[in-house]
Protein backbone atom coordinates (compact mmCIF):
# COMPACT_ATOMS: atom_id res chain seq x y z
CA UNK A 1 1.09 4.64 -18.55
CA UNK A 2 0.11 8.47 -19.24
CA UNK A 3 -0.44 10.70 -16.31
CA UNK A 4 -1.05 14.29 -15.93
CA UNK A 5 1.79 16.46 -15.74
CA UNK A 6 1.73 17.40 -11.68
CA UNK A 7 1.38 13.71 -11.44
CA UNK A 8 4.31 12.93 -13.56
CA UNK A 9 6.17 15.35 -12.26
CA UNK A 10 5.65 14.08 -8.44
CA UNK A 11 6.39 10.59 -10.27
CA UNK A 12 10.25 11.75 -11.46
CA UNK A 13 11.13 13.37 -8.28
CA UNK A 14 9.88 9.99 -6.51
CA UNK A 15 11.94 7.60 -9.15
CA UNK A 16 15.23 10.23 -8.87
CA UNK A 17 14.88 9.32 -4.63
CA UNK A 18 14.22 5.35 -5.46
CA UNK A 19 17.37 5.23 -7.85
CA UNK A 20 19.58 6.98 -5.33
CA UNK A 21 18.60 4.82 -2.38
CA UNK A 22 19.07 1.89 -4.36
CA UNK A 23 22.51 2.73 -5.32
CA UNK A 24 23.57 3.25 -1.80
CA UNK A 25 24.36 0.81 0.63
CA UNK A 26 22.13 -0.92 3.38
CA UNK A 27 22.06 1.14 6.76
CA UNK A 28 20.65 0.53 10.38
CA UNK A 29 18.63 3.16 10.77
CA UNK A 30 18.92 4.76 14.75
CA UNK A 31 16.69 3.58 17.17
CA UNK A 32 15.35 0.63 14.98
CA UNK A 33 12.23 0.58 13.21
CA UNK A 34 10.29 2.43 15.39
CA UNK A 35 13.06 5.16 15.98
CA UNK A 36 11.48 8.02 14.05
CA UNK A 37 14.49 8.47 12.12
CA UNK A 38 14.17 6.13 8.83
CA UNK A 39 14.44 7.86 5.58
CA UNK A 40 14.29 4.87 3.39
CA UNK A 41 11.62 4.79 1.36
CA UNK A 42 11.91 1.13 0.35
CA UNK A 43 9.22 1.55 -2.01
CA UNK A 44 7.88 -0.37 -4.89
CA UNK A 45 8.87 0.53 -8.17
CA UNK A 46 6.83 1.64 -11.34
CA UNK A 47 5.89 -2.04 -12.42
CA UNK A 48 4.14 -2.50 -9.06
CA UNK A 49 2.73 0.63 -8.85
CA UNK A 50 0.98 0.34 -12.45
CA UNK A 51 -0.17 -2.89 -11.70
CA UNK A 52 -2.04 -1.68 -8.47
CA UNK A 53 -3.33 0.95 -10.42
CA UNK A 54 -4.84 -0.50 -13.26
CA UNK A 55 -6.16 -3.15 -10.31
CA UNK A 56 -7.96 -0.32 -8.45
CA UNK A 57 -9.13 1.25 -10.99
CA UNK A 58 -11.35 -1.98 -12.28
CA UNK A 59 -13.90 -0.76 -9.00
CA UNK A 60 -16.54 1.98 -9.40
CA UNK A 61 -16.21 4.26 -6.53
CA UNK A 62 -14.02 2.12 -4.06
CA UNK A 63 -12.81 2.02 -0.84
CA UNK A 64 -9.27 1.88 -0.87
CA UNK A 65 -7.23 0.69 2.10
CA UNK A 66 -2.99 1.38 2.15
CA UNK A 67 -1.29 -0.20 4.85
CA UNK A 68 1.85 1.70 5.30
CA UNK A 69 2.55 5.36 3.80
CA UNK A 70 5.97 5.44 4.19
CA UNK A 71 6.67 8.52 1.91
CA UNK A 72 3.73 8.00 0.03
CA UNK A 73 5.06 6.66 -3.66
CA UNK A 74 2.53 3.65 -4.16
CA UNK A 75 0.07 6.39 -2.56
CA UNK A 76 0.41 8.29 -5.88
CA UNK A 77 -0.54 5.50 -7.79
CA UNK A 78 -3.50 4.30 -5.49
CA UNK A 79 -4.59 8.12 -5.45
CA UNK A 80 -4.97 8.44 -8.95
CA UNK A 81 -6.81 5.22 -9.39
CA UNK A 82 -9.17 6.46 -7.28
CA UNK A 83 -9.71 10.24 -8.74
CA UNK A 84 -10.53 8.45 -11.76
CA UNK A 85 -12.92 6.10 -10.39
CA UNK A 86 -14.60 8.55 -7.73
CA UNK A 87 -13.10 6.82 -4.89
CA UNK A 88 -11.43 7.47 -2.17
CA UNK A 89 -7.81 6.37 -0.98
CA UNK A 90 -7.80 5.52 3.09
CA UNK A 91 -4.01 5.35 4.02
CA UNK A 92 -2.20 4.46 7.36
CA UNK A 93 1.25 4.97 8.73
CA UNK A 94 2.63 4.51 12.08
CA UNK A 95 5.35 7.77 11.69
CA UNK A 96 3.70 11.15 11.47
CA UNK A 97 6.69 12.68 9.72
CA UNK A 98 6.08 10.28 6.79
CA UNK A 99 2.73 10.66 6.55
CA UNK A 100 3.59 14.27 6.27
CA UNK A 101 5.79 13.97 3.48
CA UNK A 102 3.14 11.71 1.93
CA UNK A 103 0.27 14.54 2.02
CA UNK A 104 2.68 17.30 0.40
CA UNK A 105 3.63 14.79 -2.27
CA UNK A 106 -0.16 14.55 -2.80
CA UNK A 107 -1.12 17.62 -2.99
CA UNK A 108 1.93 18.78 -5.53
CA UNK A 109 0.19 16.01 -7.32
CA UNK A 110 -3.22 17.15 -7.35
CA UNK A 111 -4.72 14.18 -5.63
CA UNK A 112 -5.08 15.04 -1.79
CA UNK A 113 -8.77 15.61 -2.24
CA UNK A 114 -9.30 11.78 -2.89
CA UNK A 115 -6.52 10.53 -0.24
CA UNK A 116 -7.54 10.30 4.29
CA UNK A 117 -4.13 10.30 5.92
CA UNK A 118 -4.36 8.57 9.22
CA UNK A 119 -1.33 8.07 12.25
CA UNK A 120 -1.11 5.22 14.22
CA UNK A 121 -1.26 2.03 15.00
CA UNK A 122 -2.63 0.15 11.77
CA UNK A 123 -4.42 -2.65 13.19
CA UNK A 124 -6.29 -0.09 15.78
CA UNK A 125 -7.14 2.28 13.12
CA UNK A 126 -8.47 -0.54 10.69
CA UNK A 127 -10.78 -2.25 13.82
CA UNK A 128 -12.23 1.41 14.30
CA UNK A 129 -13.13 1.81 10.33
CA UNK A 130 -16.74 2.59 9.35
CA UNK A 131 -16.21 2.07 5.36
CA UNK A 132 -16.44 -1.53 3.96
CA UNK A 133 -13.21 -1.95 2.44
CA UNK A 134 -12.87 -2.72 -1.63
CA UNK A 135 -9.40 -2.92 -2.36
CA UNK A 136 -6.62 -3.46 0.09
CA UNK A 137 -2.68 -3.00 -0.59
CA UNK A 138 -0.27 -4.09 2.04
CA UNK A 139 3.04 -2.97 2.90
CA UNK A 140 4.33 -2.71 6.56
CA UNK A 141 6.14 -4.14 8.66
CA UNK A 142 5.91 -7.94 7.85
CA UNK A 143 5.07 -9.32 11.30
CA UNK A 144 2.03 -6.89 10.72
CA UNK A 145 0.82 -8.64 7.72
CA UNK A 146 -1.21 -11.36 9.64
CA UNK A 147 -2.83 -9.41 12.21
CA UNK A 148 -3.90 -6.63 9.39
CA UNK A 149 -5.46 -9.54 7.53
CA UNK A 150 -7.47 -10.68 10.42
CA UNK A 151 -8.72 -6.82 10.87
CA UNK A 152 -9.62 -5.89 7.59
CA UNK A 153 -10.84 -9.51 6.32
CA UNK A 154 -14.45 -9.23 7.58
CA UNK A 155 -14.55 -5.58 6.37
CA UNK A 156 -14.23 -7.06 2.86
CA UNK A 157 -16.85 -6.33 -0.01
CA UNK A 158 -17.48 -8.84 -2.27
CA UNK A 159 -15.08 -8.81 -5.27
CA UNK A 160 -12.62 -6.98 -3.17
CA UNK A 161 -8.97 -7.49 -4.27
CA UNK A 162 -6.07 -7.71 -1.91
CA UNK A 163 -2.53 -7.07 -2.77
CA UNK A 164 1.12 -8.11 -0.34
CA UNK A 165 4.03 -6.60 -1.58
CA UNK A 166 7.49 -8.45 -0.62
CA UNK A 167 6.25 -11.93 -0.87
CA UNK A 168 8.78 -13.06 -2.84
CA UNK A 169 11.90 -10.83 -1.40
CA UNK A 170 12.41 -10.95 1.54
CA UNK A 171 10.48 -13.64 1.89
CA UNK A 172 10.30 -13.30 5.64
CA UNK A 173 8.26 -15.63 8.20
CA UNK A 174 5.90 -13.03 8.42
CA UNK A 175 5.35 -12.83 4.65
CA UNK A 176 5.14 -16.74 4.72
CA UNK A 177 2.42 -16.90 7.20
CA UNK A 178 0.49 -14.05 5.60
CA UNK A 179 0.54 -16.24 2.67
CA UNK A 180 -0.38 -19.53 4.47
CA UNK A 181 -3.21 -17.43 6.40
CA UNK A 182 -4.65 -15.38 3.26
CA UNK A 183 -5.21 -18.56 1.04
CA UNK A 184 -6.58 -20.55 4.09
CA UNK A 185 -9.53 -17.98 4.70
CA UNK A 186 -13.31 -18.47 3.01
CA UNK A 187 -13.96 -16.81 -0.05
CA UNK A 188 -10.42 -16.08 -1.07
CA UNK A 189 -8.71 -17.06 -4.38
CA UNK A 190 -4.86 -15.85 -4.60
CA UNK A 191 -1.80 -16.15 -6.37
CA UNK A 192 2.24 -15.29 -5.94
CA UNK A 193 2.98 -13.13 -9.02
CA UNK A 194 6.61 -12.06 -9.73
CA UNK A 195 6.23 -8.78 -10.15
CA UNK A 196 8.81 -6.36 -8.35
CA UNK A 197 9.37 -8.15 -5.00
CA UNK A 198 6.40 -10.51 -5.41
CA UNK A 199 3.26 -9.70 -4.66
CA UNK A 200 0.58 -11.96 -3.44
CA UNK A 201 -2.75 -10.91 -5.16
CA UNK A 202 -6.20 -11.74 -3.51
CA UNK A 203 -10.21 -11.75 -4.06
CA UNK A 204 -12.45 -11.93 -2.20
CA UNK A 205 -15.59 -14.18 -3.58
CA UNK A 206 -17.69 -15.67 -0.70
CA UNK A 207 -20.41 -18.15 -1.93
């Protein structure tokens, strides 16, 4: 997939960081998940990023919702799709330092004008959305997958696509509950794909 020079340069920086991270032993962060010291990206790889980009580009002027900005890698793929289609990306993150890093990288990539960075509790921020949603990427703490699904489901436009990451690895109880929950919702068709760490791709087509 061909990206412009600014985006490619930023993706190269991210890929180097991802490669370095994956070569290091896993270390639990001080203070736990909300301690504010977690520097691990835990990023999706380029294969998943390209798929997100392709799926998001199937819409015209979409509102894209990303749950779990982290350090902004997946957001580059989604923001490029937003720019290409005249849409916008709303990305939500609990920690301000991660959101700030992601915003800096999106500026370097020339994509910041297509991204609305929001910091705080994802479920609460979804409840405050005025927008109807065309595309959702779910990649935050796994115990929040189902609460977030319950929050964004009433806001989906017809034909909306939802992609949830980490569905095969690590395959926690949280993602298992999400897989069951989304398949039980009216109007949803869903498939589990062995891309990256496993993604659940769902589409909303109510009768």
